[in-house]
Amino acid sequence: MKSCRRGGGEVIIGLRGRRVDGGFHAKDIANLPIALPLTATCVLAGASTMESGRPQAVLKPEQCAQVWNKAVPSGDSLAAANAQPFVANFQQADTDQDGKLSKSEFEAGCGKGLIKFTEH
């Protein structure tokens, strides 16, 4: 990189001759048709990851109990194999890493937004 002064301010020129100070350079127009679709694709891909690991809304205790009763009719524990419809991120919710969620881990997960509220 090199820098030069133009009109009283300093402009930093990157390795490919582009301004890196936040300014707009004419060469950037050539990349616009490529950059916009890629940006849109990244945004849409990020939106679809909500179900696969990102925290959801924090559940109220009655909502948490409703989901627990639906997910674990026996009331014992929720195995990883059965958790996908109910848990956004099983690894984060399974704090003792034993491969199943106890009721206390499940309730803690509700408070962290790791449990999905499903009304059906």
N, C-alpha and C. Protein backbone atom coordinates (compact mmCIF):
# COMPACT_ATOMS: atom_id res chain seq x y z
N MET A 1 0.84 -1.17 0.00
CA MET A 1 0.00 0.00 0.00
C MET A 1 0.88 1.24 0.00
N LYS A 2 0.36 2.27 -0.57
CA LYS A 2 1.05 3.56 -0.54
C LYS A 2 0.01 4.62 -0.25
N SER A 3 0.49 5.74 0.22
CA SER A 3 -0.45 6.82 0.49
C SER A 3 0.04 8.06 -0.23
N CYS A 4 -0.89 8.89 -0.58
CA CYS A 4 -0.56 10.14 -1.23
C CYS A 4 -1.56 11.19 -0.77
N ARG A 5 -1.18 12.42 -0.92
CA ARG A 5 -2.06 13.51 -0.48
C ARG A 5 -2.70 14.13 -1.70
N ARG A 6 -4.04 14.29 -1.60
CA ARG A 6 -4.78 14.96 -2.66
C ARG A 6 -5.75 15.93 -2.02
N GLY A 7 -5.69 17.15 -2.40
CA GLY A 7 -6.66 18.14 -1.93
C GLY A 7 -6.69 18.32 -0.43
N GLY A 8 -5.55 18.19 0.21
CA GLY A 8 -5.49 18.42 1.65
C GLY A 8 -5.74 17.18 2.49
N GLY A 9 -6.21 16.08 1.90
CA GLY A 9 -6.46 14.86 2.66
C GLY A 9 -5.57 13.74 2.17
N GLU A 10 -5.40 12.72 2.98
CA GLU A 10 -4.56 11.60 2.59
C GLU A 10 -5.43 10.50 2.00
N VAL A 11 -5.00 9.94 0.88
CA VAL A 11 -5.70 8.84 0.23
C VAL A 11 -4.77 7.65 0.24
N ILE A 12 -5.23 6.52 0.72
CA ILE A 12 -4.42 5.32 0.76
C ILE A 12 -4.80 4.45 -0.42
N ILE A 13 -3.80 4.06 -1.19
CA ILE A 13 -4.01 3.25 -2.38
C ILE A 13 -3.55 1.83 -2.07
N GLY A 14 -4.45 0.85 -2.26
CA GLY A 14 -4.13 -0.55 -1.98
C GLY A 14 -3.27 -1.17 -3.07
N LEU A 15 -3.00 -2.45 -2.95
CA LEU A 15 -2.13 -3.17 -3.86
C LEU A 15 -2.64 -3.18 -5.29
N ARG A 16 -3.93 -3.17 -5.48
CA ARG A 16 -4.50 -3.23 -6.82
C ARG A 16 -4.90 -1.86 -7.34
N GLY A 17 -4.40 -0.81 -6.73
CA GLY A 17 -4.69 0.52 -7.20
C GLY A 17 -6.03 1.07 -6.75
N ARG A 18 -6.67 0.44 -5.79
CA ARG A 18 -7.97 0.89 -5.31
C ARG A 18 -7.80 1.65 -4.00
N ARG A 19 -8.65 2.63 -3.83
CA ARG A 19 -8.64 3.38 -2.58
C ARG A 19 -9.14 2.49 -1.46
N VAL A 20 -8.47 2.52 -0.33
CA VAL A 20 -8.89 1.71 0.80
C VAL A 20 -9.32 2.57 1.98
N ASP A 21 -9.56 3.83 1.74
CA ASP A 21 -9.97 4.74 2.80
C ASP A 21 -11.48 4.91 2.86
N GLY A 22 -12.21 4.05 2.20
CA GLY A 22 -13.66 4.15 2.19
C GLY A 22 -14.18 4.94 1.01
N GLY A 23 -13.28 5.49 0.21
CA GLY A 23 -13.71 6.25 -0.96
C GLY A 23 -14.11 5.32 -2.09
N PHE A 24 -14.75 5.87 -3.10
CA PHE A 24 -15.21 5.08 -4.24
C PHE A 24 -14.26 5.29 -5.39
N HIS A 25 -13.91 4.23 -6.05
CA HIS A 25 -12.98 4.29 -7.17
C HIS A 25 -13.70 3.76 -8.41
N ALA A 26 -13.37 4.31 -9.56
CA ALA A 26 -14.04 3.92 -10.80
C ALA A 26 -13.89 2.44 -11.10
N LYS A 27 -12.80 1.81 -10.67
CA LYS A 27 -12.60 0.38 -10.92
C LYS A 27 -13.62 -0.48 -10.17
N ASP A 28 -14.20 0.06 -9.10
CA ASP A 28 -15.17 -0.69 -8.31
C ASP A 28 -16.45 -0.95 -9.08
N ILE A 29 -16.77 -0.13 -10.06
CA ILE A 29 -17.99 -0.31 -10.86
C ILE A 29 -17.94 -1.64 -11.61
N ALA A 30 -16.76 -2.03 -12.07
CA ALA A 30 -16.62 -3.28 -12.81
C ALA A 30 -16.99 -4.49 -11.96
N ASN A 31 -16.80 -4.41 -10.66
CA ASN A 31 -17.10 -5.53 -9.78
C ASN A 31 -18.53 -5.51 -9.25
N LEU A 32 -19.27 -4.46 -9.49
CA LEU A 32 -20.61 -4.32 -8.97
C LEU A 32 -21.56 -5.43 -9.41
N PRO A 33 -21.59 -5.85 -10.69
CA PRO A 33 -22.49 -6.93 -11.08
C PRO A 33 -22.19 -8.26 -10.39
N ILE A 34 -20.97 -8.46 -9.97
CA ILE A 34 -20.59 -9.68 -9.26
C ILE A 34 -20.87 -9.54 -7.77
N ALA A 35 -20.54 -8.39 -7.21
CA ALA A 35 -20.64 -8.18 -5.77
C ALA A 35 -22.09 -8.19 -5.27
N LEU A 36 -23.01 -7.60 -6.01
CA LEU A 36 -24.39 -7.53 -5.53
C LEU A 36 -25.04 -8.90 -5.42
N PRO A 37 -24.97 -9.78 -6.44
CA PRO A 37 -25.57 -11.10 -6.27
C PRO A 37 -24.91 -11.92 -5.16
N LEU A 38 -23.59 -11.78 -5.01
CA LEU A 38 -22.91 -12.51 -3.94
C LEU A 38 -23.35 -12.01 -2.57
N THR A 39 -23.50 -10.71 -2.44
CA THR A 39 -23.95 -10.15 -1.18
C THR A 39 -25.37 -10.62 -0.85
N ALA A 40 -26.25 -10.60 -1.84
CA ALA A 40 -27.62 -11.06 -1.62
C ALA A 40 -27.65 -12.53 -1.24
N THR A 41 -26.81 -13.34 -1.88
CA THR A 41 -26.75 -14.77 -1.56
C THR A 41 -26.29 -14.98 -0.13
N CYS A 42 -25.29 -14.25 0.29
CA CYS A 42 -24.79 -14.38 1.66
C CYS A 42 -25.84 -13.97 2.69
N VAL A 43 -26.57 -12.91 2.41
CA VAL A 43 -27.62 -12.46 3.32
C VAL A 43 -28.71 -13.51 3.43
N LEU A 44 -29.15 -14.04 2.30
CA LEU A 44 -30.20 -15.06 2.31
C LEU A 44 -29.72 -16.34 2.98
N ALA A 45 -28.50 -16.72 2.76
CA ALA A 45 -27.97 -17.93 3.41
C ALA A 45 -27.90 -17.73 4.92
N GLY A 46 -27.54 -16.54 5.35
CA GLY A 46 -27.50 -16.26 6.78
C GLY A 46 -28.87 -16.32 7.41
N ALA A 47 -29.89 -15.90 6.68
CA ALA A 47 -31.25 -15.92 7.22
C ALA A 47 -31.75 -17.34 7.42
N SER A 48 -31.29 -18.28 6.60
CA SER A 48 -31.79 -19.64 6.71
C SER A 48 -31.11 -20.43 7.83
N THR A 49 -30.08 -19.86 8.47
CA THR A 49 -29.40 -20.60 9.53
C THR A 49 -30.07 -20.44 10.88
N MET A 50 -31.16 -19.70 10.97
CA MET A 50 -31.83 -19.50 12.23
C MET A 50 -32.24 -20.82 12.86
N GLU A 51 -32.64 -21.76 12.07
CA GLU A 51 -33.07 -23.05 12.59
C GLU A 51 -31.90 -23.96 12.94
N SER A 52 -30.72 -23.66 12.50
CA SER A 52 -29.61 -24.57 12.72
C SER A 52 -28.54 -23.98 13.61
N GLY A 53 -28.91 -23.51 14.76
CA GLY A 53 -27.92 -23.14 15.73
C GLY A 53 -28.01 -21.76 16.33
N ARG A 54 -28.58 -20.82 15.66
CA ARG A 54 -28.65 -19.48 16.21
C ARG A 54 -29.76 -19.39 17.23
N PRO A 55 -29.56 -18.61 18.29
CA PRO A 55 -30.60 -18.48 19.31
C PRO A 55 -31.92 -17.94 18.75
N GLN A 56 -32.99 -18.44 19.31
CA GLN A 56 -34.35 -18.02 18.98
C GLN A 56 -34.79 -17.04 20.07
N ALA A 57 -36.07 -16.77 20.12
CA ALA A 57 -36.62 -15.93 21.18
C ALA A 57 -36.56 -16.68 22.51
N VAL A 58 -36.34 -15.94 23.58
CA VAL A 58 -36.35 -16.53 24.92
C VAL A 58 -37.79 -16.91 25.24
N LEU A 59 -37.98 -18.15 25.73
CA LEU A 59 -39.32 -18.64 26.02
C LEU A 59 -39.74 -18.31 27.45
N LYS A 60 -41.02 -18.05 27.63
CA LYS A 60 -41.59 -17.89 28.95
C LYS A 60 -41.65 -19.27 29.60
N PRO A 61 -41.68 -19.33 30.93
CA PRO A 61 -41.71 -20.63 31.61
C PRO A 61 -42.85 -21.54 31.16
N GLU A 62 -44.04 -20.97 30.92
CA GLU A 62 -45.17 -21.81 30.49
C GLU A 62 -44.95 -22.33 29.07
N GLN A 63 -44.31 -21.53 28.20
CA GLN A 63 -43.99 -22.00 26.85
C GLN A 63 -42.94 -23.11 26.92
N CYS A 64 -41.96 -22.92 27.76
CA CYS A 64 -40.89 -23.91 27.93
C CYS A 64 -41.49 -25.24 28.42
N ALA A 65 -42.38 -25.17 29.40
CA ALA A 65 -43.02 -26.38 29.91
C ALA A 65 -43.85 -27.07 28.84
N GLN A 66 -44.52 -26.28 28.00
CA GLN A 66 -45.33 -26.84 26.92
C GLN A 66 -44.45 -27.60 25.92
N VAL A 67 -43.32 -27.00 25.55
CA VAL A 67 -42.43 -27.66 24.59
C VAL A 67 -41.79 -28.90 25.24
N TRP A 68 -41.40 -28.81 26.51
CA TRP A 68 -40.80 -29.96 27.21
C TRP A 68 -41.79 -31.14 27.22
N ASN A 69 -43.04 -30.88 27.56
CA ASN A 69 -44.04 -31.95 27.62
C ASN A 69 -44.28 -32.58 26.25
N LYS A 70 -44.18 -31.78 25.22
CA LYS A 70 -44.33 -32.31 23.86
C LYS A 70 -43.10 -33.08 23.42
N ALA A 71 -41.91 -32.57 23.75
CA ALA A 71 -40.66 -33.19 23.32
C ALA A 71 -40.33 -34.43 24.11
N VAL A 72 -40.69 -34.43 25.40
CA VAL A 72 -40.32 -35.53 26.29
C VAL A 72 -41.56 -35.99 27.07
N PRO A 73 -42.44 -36.77 26.41
CA PRO A 73 -43.65 -37.22 27.11
C PRO A 73 -43.36 -38.01 28.39
N SER A 74 -42.23 -38.72 28.41
CA SER A 74 -41.89 -39.50 29.60
C SER A 74 -41.39 -38.62 30.74
N GLY A 75 -40.97 -37.39 30.43
CA GLY A 75 -40.49 -36.47 31.45
C GLY A 75 -39.06 -36.71 31.88
N ASP A 76 -38.36 -37.68 31.26
CA ASP A 76 -37.02 -38.06 31.69
C ASP A 76 -35.94 -37.14 31.12
N SER A 77 -35.58 -37.33 29.86
CA SER A 77 -34.57 -36.51 29.20
C SER A 77 -34.80 -36.53 27.70
N LEU A 78 -34.22 -35.58 27.01
CA LEU A 78 -34.37 -35.46 25.56
C LEU A 78 -33.07 -35.85 24.89
N ALA A 79 -33.09 -36.95 24.15
CA ALA A 79 -31.89 -37.43 23.45
C ALA A 79 -31.61 -36.54 22.24
N ALA A 80 -30.35 -36.47 21.86
CA ALA A 80 -29.93 -35.66 20.72
C ALA A 80 -30.67 -36.07 19.45
N ALA A 81 -30.90 -37.36 19.28
CA ALA A 81 -31.56 -37.87 18.06
C ALA A 81 -32.99 -37.35 17.92
N ASN A 82 -33.64 -37.01 19.02
CA ASN A 82 -35.03 -36.54 19.00
C ASN A 82 -35.17 -35.03 19.19
N ALA A 83 -34.06 -34.32 19.31
CA ALA A 83 -34.09 -32.92 19.70
C ALA A 83 -34.29 -31.94 18.56
N GLN A 84 -34.00 -32.30 17.33
CA GLN A 84 -33.98 -31.36 16.21
C GLN A 84 -35.24 -30.51 16.08
N PRO A 85 -36.44 -31.05 16.21
CA PRO A 85 -37.62 -30.18 16.06
C PRO A 85 -37.79 -29.17 17.20
N PHE A 86 -37.09 -29.38 18.30
CA PHE A 86 -37.32 -28.57 19.50
C PHE A 86 -36.14 -27.71 19.93
N VAL A 87 -34.93 -28.09 19.53
CA VAL A 87 -33.72 -27.43 20.01
C VAL A 87 -32.97 -26.81 18.85
N ALA A 88 -32.66 -25.51 18.96
CA ALA A 88 -31.95 -24.80 17.89
C ALA A 88 -30.48 -25.18 17.85
N ASN A 89 -29.85 -25.34 19.01
CA ASN A 89 -28.44 -25.70 19.07
C ASN A 89 -28.23 -26.65 20.23
N PHE A 90 -28.22 -27.94 19.92
CA PHE A 90 -28.15 -28.97 20.95
C PHE A 90 -26.84 -28.90 21.73
N GLN A 91 -25.73 -28.68 21.05
CA GLN A 91 -24.42 -28.66 21.73
C GLN A 91 -24.35 -27.56 22.79
N GLN A 92 -24.92 -26.40 22.50
CA GLN A 92 -24.92 -25.33 23.49
C GLN A 92 -25.86 -25.64 24.65
N ALA A 93 -26.97 -26.27 24.36
CA ALA A 93 -27.94 -26.58 25.42
C ALA A 93 -27.47 -27.73 26.31
N ASP A 94 -26.74 -28.68 25.74
CA ASP A 94 -26.25 -29.85 26.49
C ASP A 94 -24.97 -29.48 27.23
N THR A 95 -25.12 -28.79 28.35
CA THR A 95 -23.97 -28.22 29.05
C THR A 95 -23.02 -29.27 29.62
N ASP A 96 -23.51 -30.45 29.98
CA ASP A 96 -22.61 -31.48 30.50
C ASP A 96 -22.12 -32.43 29.40
N GLN A 97 -22.55 -32.17 28.15
CA GLN A 97 -22.11 -32.92 26.97
C GLN A 97 -22.29 -34.44 27.10
N ASP A 98 -23.45 -34.85 27.67
CA ASP A 98 -23.72 -36.28 27.80
C ASP A 98 -24.62 -36.83 26.70
N GLY A 99 -24.96 -35.99 25.73
CA GLY A 99 -25.76 -36.44 24.59
C GLY A 99 -27.26 -36.41 24.83
N LYS A 100 -27.70 -35.88 25.95
CA LYS A 100 -29.13 -35.74 26.23
C LYS A 100 -29.34 -34.51 27.09
N LEU A 101 -30.55 -33.95 27.00
CA LEU A 101 -30.89 -32.78 27.79
C LEU A 101 -31.75 -33.17 28.97
N SER A 102 -31.29 -32.83 30.15
CA SER A 102 -32.11 -32.99 31.34
C SER A 102 -33.13 -31.86 31.34
N LYS A 103 -34.09 -31.95 32.25
CA LYS A 103 -35.10 -30.89 32.32
C LYS A 103 -34.45 -29.56 32.69
N SER A 104 -33.47 -29.58 33.59
CA SER A 104 -32.81 -28.33 33.99
C SER A 104 -31.99 -27.74 32.83
N GLU A 105 -31.34 -28.58 32.03
CA GLU A 105 -30.62 -28.08 30.85
C GLU A 105 -31.60 -27.51 29.83
N PHE A 106 -32.73 -28.18 29.67
CA PHE A 106 -33.77 -27.73 28.74
C PHE A 106 -34.29 -26.36 29.17
N GLU A 107 -34.60 -26.22 30.46
CA GLU A 107 -35.12 -24.95 30.98
C GLU A 107 -34.08 -23.84 30.84
N ALA A 108 -32.81 -24.15 31.09
CA ALA A 108 -31.75 -23.16 30.90
C ALA A 108 -31.66 -22.77 29.43
N GLY A 109 -31.82 -23.74 28.54
CA GLY A 109 -31.83 -23.47 27.11
C GLY A 109 -32.98 -22.57 26.69
N CYS A 110 -34.13 -22.73 27.34
CA CYS A 110 -35.27 -21.84 27.07
C CYS A 110 -34.91 -20.40 27.40
N GLY A 111 -34.19 -20.20 28.48
CA GLY A 111 -33.79 -18.86 28.90
C GLY A 111 -32.72 -18.25 28.03
N LYS A 112 -32.02 -19.07 27.25
CA LYS A 112 -30.97 -18.58 26.36
C LYS A 112 -31.42 -18.50 24.91
N GLY A 113 -32.68 -18.86 24.65
CA GLY A 113 -33.18 -18.83 23.28
C GLY A 113 -32.74 -20.03 22.45
N LEU A 114 -32.34 -21.12 23.09
CA LEU A 114 -31.87 -22.31 22.38
C LEU A 114 -32.98 -23.30 22.08
N ILE A 115 -34.17 -23.08 22.64
CA ILE A 115 -35.31 -23.97 22.45
C ILE A 115 -36.33 -23.28 21.55
N LYS A 116 -36.84 -24.02 20.58
CA LYS A 116 -37.82 -23.48 19.63
C LYS A 116 -39.22 -23.67 20.20
N PHE A 117 -40.04 -22.66 20.07
CA PHE A 117 -41.43 -22.77 20.52
C PHE A 117 -42.27 -23.25 19.36
N THR A 118 -42.84 -24.43 19.52
CA THR A 118 -43.71 -25.01 18.49
C THR A 118 -45.07 -25.25 19.12
N GLU A 119 -46.09 -24.68 18.54
CA GLU A 119 -47.43 -24.80 19.13
C GLU A 119 -48.17 -26.04 18.70
N HIS A 120 -47.76 -26.70 17.65
CA HIS A 120 -48.50 -27.87 17.14
C HIS A 120 -48.19 -29.09 17.96
